[in-house]
Amino acid sequence: MLKVPAKTIDLETERTTMRPHTLSDFDDCAAMWADPAVTLHISGQPSTRQESWARHLRNIGHWSALGFGYWVVREKSTGNFWGEVGFGDFQRAIEPPLDAVPEMGWVLCTAVHGKGVASETARAACAWGDQYFSADKTVCIIAPEHAGSISVALKQGFEHKHITSYRGEQTLIMERQKPI
């Protein structure tokens, strides 16, 4: 999926720093994923510490194995944890298949919901992906009722492609073409 090894892994936006996960980020990530408001449109259930640990190791492993993954998002001025944004290859059992196309996602702490942080960091991640991915597109999956995430995706150039079922729930597949 990567056309060349990424020279830049850490990213910065106006308000944030973004870097791959480390073990020291786990407590912040676990606390975010345990928040029912955060998981409402993702899984519908807060994550247990065990589930968050598996996700955390997966996030670390993406960078190690594939050269891309999710970034931990922190407020630049304070270092406060704000969430996770990035790309994955999750080998999802979904129709139509996502076929080795980078899948983008974002999840943020409720304290920054509605403040433009998702759009700001997703824009930085998309620019990174446009530079380093060989794929001509990226995808994301979103619960059709999650207007906030759909808005973030549309601002990045994602377009509605399919409504499908994933894990028994209606799921919107959106697609973004890499700019030429």
Protein backbone atom coordinates (compact mmCIF):
# COMPACT_ATOMS: atom_id res chain seq x y z
CA MET A 1 0.00 0.00 0.00
CA LEU A 2 2.90 2.37 0.55
CA LYS A 3 4.66 3.52 -2.57
CA VAL A 4 7.82 4.48 -0.64
CA PRO A 5 8.78 4.24 3.01
CA ALA A 6 7.36 7.24 4.80
CA LYS A 7 9.97 9.85 5.62
CA THR A 8 7.59 11.74 7.87
CA ILE A 9 5.62 9.91 10.50
CA ASP A 10 4.97 12.60 13.10
CA LEU A 11 2.52 15.28 11.96
CA GLU A 12 1.53 18.67 13.30
CA THR A 13 -1.56 20.78 12.72
CA GLU A 14 -2.43 24.23 13.99
CA ARG A 15 -3.65 22.87 17.33
CA THR A 16 -2.28 19.32 17.51
CA THR A 17 0.67 17.00 17.39
CA MET A 18 0.13 13.56 15.84
CA ARG A 19 2.45 10.58 16.31
CA PRO A 20 2.23 6.79 16.32
CA HIS A 21 1.03 5.11 19.50
CA THR A 22 3.43 4.12 22.25
CA LEU A 23 2.75 1.97 25.30
CA SER A 24 2.61 5.12 27.44
CA ASP A 25 -0.53 6.26 25.56
CA PHE A 26 -2.56 3.26 26.68
CA ASP A 27 -4.36 4.73 29.71
CA ASP A 28 -5.52 7.76 27.71
CA CYS A 29 -6.72 5.57 24.84
CA ALA A 30 -8.48 3.12 27.17
CA ALA A 31 -10.28 5.96 28.95
CA MET A 32 -11.51 7.39 25.64
CA TRP A 33 -12.71 4.00 24.36
CA ALA A 34 -14.54 3.36 27.68
CA ASP A 35 -16.69 6.48 27.13
CA PRO A 36 -20.20 5.49 25.91
CA ALA A 37 -20.54 8.77 23.98
CA VAL A 38 -17.37 7.97 22.02
CA THR A 39 -18.39 4.43 21.09
CA LEU A 40 -22.09 5.14 20.45
CA HIS A 41 -21.77 5.13 16.63
CA ILE A 42 -18.73 2.83 16.44
CA SER A 43 -19.56 -0.35 18.31
CA GLY A 44 -22.47 0.82 20.44
CA GLN A 45 -20.65 -0.42 23.54
CA PRO A 46 -17.83 1.05 25.61
CA SER A 47 -14.64 -0.97 25.28
CA THR A 48 -13.26 -2.96 28.18
CA ARG A 49 -9.65 -2.44 29.19
CA GLN A 50 -8.83 -5.77 27.54
CA GLU A 51 -10.47 -4.72 24.24
CA SER A 52 -8.65 -1.39 24.37
CA TRP A 53 -5.35 -3.17 24.98
CA ALA A 54 -5.85 -5.35 21.88
CA ARG A 55 -6.73 -2.24 19.83
CA HIS A 56 -3.72 -0.40 21.22
CA LEU A 57 -1.34 -3.20 20.26
CA ARG A 58 -2.96 -3.34 16.80
CA ASN A 59 -2.32 0.39 16.41
CA ILE A 60 1.34 -0.03 17.33
CA GLY A 61 1.60 -3.07 15.06
CA HIS A 62 0.19 -1.31 12.00
CA TRP A 63 3.17 1.05 11.92
CA SER A 64 5.65 -1.74 12.55
CA ALA A 65 4.22 -4.20 10.02
CA LEU A 66 2.72 -1.96 7.34
CA GLY A 67 4.46 1.41 7.63
CA PHE A 68 1.21 3.27 8.33
CA GLY A 69 -1.43 3.36 11.03
CA TYR A 70 -3.21 5.59 13.48
CA TRP A 71 -1.72 8.62 15.16
CA VAL A 72 -2.29 9.65 18.75
CA VAL A 73 -3.64 13.20 18.67
CA ARG A 74 -2.57 15.55 21.44
CA GLU A 75 -3.21 19.22 21.99
CA LYS A 76 -0.04 21.04 21.00
CA SER A 77 -0.08 23.61 23.81
CA THR A 78 -0.84 21.25 26.73
CA GLY A 79 -0.05 17.71 25.59
CA ASN A 80 -3.59 16.67 26.53
CA PHE A 81 -4.82 13.53 24.77
CA TRP A 82 -7.50 14.30 22.19
CA GLY A 83 -7.90 11.03 20.30
CA GLU A 84 -6.76 8.87 17.40
CA VAL A 85 -6.81 9.48 13.64
CA GLY A 86 -5.28 7.43 10.86
CA PHE A 87 -5.38 4.51 8.49
CA GLY A 88 -5.69 0.77 8.88
CA ASP A 89 -5.89 -2.48 7.02
CA PHE A 90 -8.36 -4.39 9.17
CA GLN A 91 -9.13 -7.32 6.82
CA ARG A 92 -12.84 -6.71 7.41
CA ALA A 93 -15.39 -9.30 6.34
CA ILE A 94 -17.55 -6.74 4.53
CA GLU A 95 -19.33 -6.62 1.17
CA PRO A 96 -18.26 -5.13 -1.05
CA PRO A 97 -14.72 -5.90 0.15
CA LEU A 98 -12.37 -3.03 0.88
CA ASP A 99 -9.61 -4.87 -1.05
CA ALA A 100 -6.35 -3.72 0.49
CA VAL A 101 -7.33 -0.06 0.25
CA PRO A 102 -6.25 2.10 3.21
CA GLU A 103 -9.21 2.57 5.54
CA MET A 104 -9.31 5.89 7.33
CA GLY A 105 -10.85 6.52 10.71
CA TRP A 106 -11.00 9.03 13.54
CA VAL A 107 -12.14 8.84 17.12
CA LEU A 108 -11.87 11.76 19.52
CA CYS A 109 -12.55 12.48 23.18
CA THR A 110 -15.92 14.04 23.87
CA ALA A 111 -14.22 17.20 25.17
CA VAL A 112 -13.24 18.10 21.59
CA HIS A 113 -16.35 16.91 19.74
CA GLY A 114 -17.77 19.64 17.53
CA LYS A 115 -14.63 21.80 17.67
CA GLY A 116 -13.19 20.96 14.25
CA VAL A 117 -10.39 18.75 15.59
CA ALA A 118 -11.51 15.70 13.58
CA SER A 119 -11.53 17.69 10.33
CA GLU A 120 -8.19 19.35 11.13
CA THR A 121 -6.40 16.09 11.90
CA ALA A 122 -8.12 14.09 9.15
CA ARG A 123 -6.96 16.72 6.64
CA ALA A 124 -3.35 16.27 7.83
CA ALA A 125 -3.68 12.48 7.67
CA CYS A 126 -5.17 12.62 4.15
CA ALA A 127 -2.30 14.83 2.97
CA TRP A 128 0.16 12.30 4.41
CA GLY A 129 -1.68 9.42 2.72
CA ASP A 130 -1.76 11.25 -0.62
CA GLN A 131 2.01 11.52 -0.44
CA TYR A 132 2.84 7.97 0.65
CA PHE A 133 0.09 5.56 -0.46
CA SER A 134 0.34 3.89 -3.83
CA ALA A 135 -3.43 3.23 -3.80
CA ASP A 136 -5.45 5.74 -5.81
CA LYS A 137 -8.16 5.88 -3.15
CA THR A 138 -8.93 5.53 0.54
CA VAL A 139 -12.15 4.41 2.18
CA CYS A 140 -13.91 4.86 5.49
CA ILE A 141 -16.91 3.18 7.08
CA ILE A 142 -19.40 5.15 9.13
CA ALA A 143 -22.72 4.49 10.82
CA PRO A 144 -25.31 6.18 8.55
CA GLU A 145 -26.81 8.07 11.50
CA HIS A 146 -23.46 9.57 12.55
CA ALA A 147 -23.87 13.01 10.94
CA GLY A 148 -20.73 14.42 12.56
CA SER A 149 -18.42 11.78 11.09
CA ILE A 150 -20.12 11.96 7.71
CA SER A 151 -19.50 15.71 7.73
CA VAL A 152 -15.80 15.16 8.53
CA ALA A 153 -15.53 12.63 5.68
CA LEU A 154 -17.25 14.92 3.18
CA LYS A 155 -14.87 17.78 4.09
CA GLN A 156 -11.95 15.49 3.19
CA GLY A 157 -13.43 14.63 -0.20
CA PHE A 158 -15.00 11.27 0.66
CA GLU A 159 -18.14 10.40 -1.28
CA HIS A 160 -20.96 7.98 -0.48
CA LYS A 161 -20.36 4.68 -2.31
CA HIS A 162 -22.40 1.90 -0.67
CA ILE A 163 -24.76 1.11 2.17
CA THR A 164 -23.97 -2.35 3.43
CA SER A 165 -24.21 -4.42 6.58
CA TYR A 166 -21.25 -4.89 8.88
CA ARG A 167 -21.56 -6.89 12.11
CA GLY A 168 -25.33 -6.80 11.73
CA GLU A 169 -25.55 -3.00 11.49
CA GLN A 170 -26.15 -0.74 8.51
CA THR A 171 -22.85 0.78 7.46
CA LEU A 172 -21.98 3.48 4.98
CA ILE A 173 -18.87 2.94 2.88
CA MET A 174 -17.36 6.20 1.68
CA GLU A 175 -14.50 6.57 -0.79
CA ARG A 176 -11.98 9.33 -1.48
CA GLN A 177 -9.97 9.52 -4.68
CA LYS A 178 -6.37 10.65 -4.36
CA PRO A 179 -5.93 14.06 -6.03
CA ILE A 180 -3.94 13.94 -9.23
